[in-house]
Amino acid sequence: MITVNYFARLRELTGKTKETIERGSMTVQELLDWAEETYPGFGKDTVHVAVNEEYALKEDVIQSGDNCAFIPPVSGG
């Protein structure tokens, strides 16, 4: 199982702060694709992913037990 955490606008879009995905492993890109399919308008092309508190590349593999965070783009001054 993979735990995912949502922040900022993604928390509002999903209506959740976190959830668990029943998968043994998947790539970061597969996780982003899942999020876009599950929550239309997710913005998978602009969202960053951290795995176990480290920014991850799209080809990195997420394992069961990992903790992921979706980090939307930040703006401001």
Protein backbone atom coordinates (compact mmCIF):
# COMPACT_ATOMS: atom_id res chain seq x y z
CA MET A 1 0.00 0.00 0.00
CA ILE A 2 1.21 3.48 -0.92
CA THR A 3 0.17 6.51 1.10
CA VAL A 4 -0.34 9.79 -0.77
CA ASN A 5 -0.74 13.24 0.80
CA TYR A 6 -2.43 16.22 -0.82
CA PHE A 7 -1.59 19.88 -0.26
CA ALA A 8 -3.07 23.28 -1.18
CA ARG A 9 -5.45 23.20 -4.17
CA LEU A 10 -5.05 19.43 -4.52
CA ARG A 11 -6.52 18.96 -1.06
CA GLU A 12 -9.53 21.01 -2.17
CA LEU A 13 -9.83 19.12 -5.48
CA THR A 14 -9.72 15.66 -3.89
CA GLY A 15 -11.54 16.55 -0.68
CA LYS A 16 -8.87 14.59 1.21
CA THR A 17 -5.67 15.27 3.07
CA LYS A 18 -4.36 11.75 2.37
CA GLU A 19 -5.36 8.34 1.10
CA THR A 20 -3.90 4.88 0.57
CA ILE A 21 -3.52 3.20 -2.81
CA GLU A 22 -3.61 -0.61 -2.94
CA ARG A 23 -0.50 -1.14 -5.07
CA GLY A 24 2.73 -3.00 -4.46
CA SER A 25 4.83 -0.69 -6.62
CA MET A 26 4.48 1.88 -9.37
CA THR A 27 6.53 4.62 -10.98
CA VAL A 28 6.02 8.27 -10.13
CA GLN A 29 4.61 8.75 -13.65
CA GLU A 30 2.09 5.95 -13.06
CA LEU A 31 1.08 7.62 -9.79
CA LEU A 32 0.57 10.94 -11.58
CA ASP A 33 -1.47 9.21 -14.32
CA TRP A 34 -3.60 7.51 -11.63
CA ALA A 35 -4.22 10.86 -9.93
CA GLU A 36 -5.27 12.52 -13.19
CA GLU A 37 -7.67 9.67 -14.02
CA THR A 38 -9.10 9.59 -10.51
CA TYR A 39 -9.34 13.39 -10.10
CA PRO A 40 -9.86 15.12 -13.47
CA GLY A 41 -8.10 18.47 -13.53
CA PHE A 42 -5.38 17.25 -11.16
CA GLY A 43 -2.67 18.83 -13.32
CA LYS A 44 -0.22 15.94 -13.51
CA ASP A 45 2.11 17.93 -15.79
CA THR A 46 2.67 20.68 -13.20
CA VAL A 47 2.61 18.73 -9.92
CA HIS A 48 5.82 17.52 -8.26
CA VAL A 49 6.00 14.34 -6.23
CA ALA A 50 8.05 13.68 -3.12
CA VAL A 51 8.64 10.10 -2.00
CA ASN A 52 9.65 9.64 1.62
CA GLU A 53 10.29 13.40 1.87
CA GLU A 54 12.62 13.56 -1.17
CA TYR A 55 11.69 14.99 -4.57
CA ALA A 56 11.31 12.15 -7.06
CA LEU A 57 11.79 11.82 -10.81
CA LYS A 58 8.99 10.48 -13.00
CA GLU A 59 10.86 7.25 -13.63
CA ASP A 60 11.55 6.56 -9.93
CA VAL A 61 9.79 3.50 -8.49
CA ILE A 62 7.51 3.84 -5.46
CA GLN A 63 7.29 0.75 -3.25
CA SER A 64 4.58 -0.46 -0.89
CA GLY A 65 5.03 1.32 2.43
CA ASP A 66 6.33 4.52 0.84
CA ASN A 67 4.83 7.86 1.76
CA CYS A 68 4.25 10.22 -1.17
CA ALA A 69 3.25 13.86 -1.35
CA PHE A 70 1.80 15.72 -4.31
CA ILE A 71 3.21 19.24 -4.35
CA PRO A 72 1.40 21.73 -6.59
CA PRO A 73 3.20 24.71 -8.12
CA VAL A 74 3.64 27.60 -5.73
CA SER A 75 3.24 31.23 -6.69
CA GLY A 76 3.51 34.43 -4.78
CA GLY A 77 5.93 37.12 -3.95
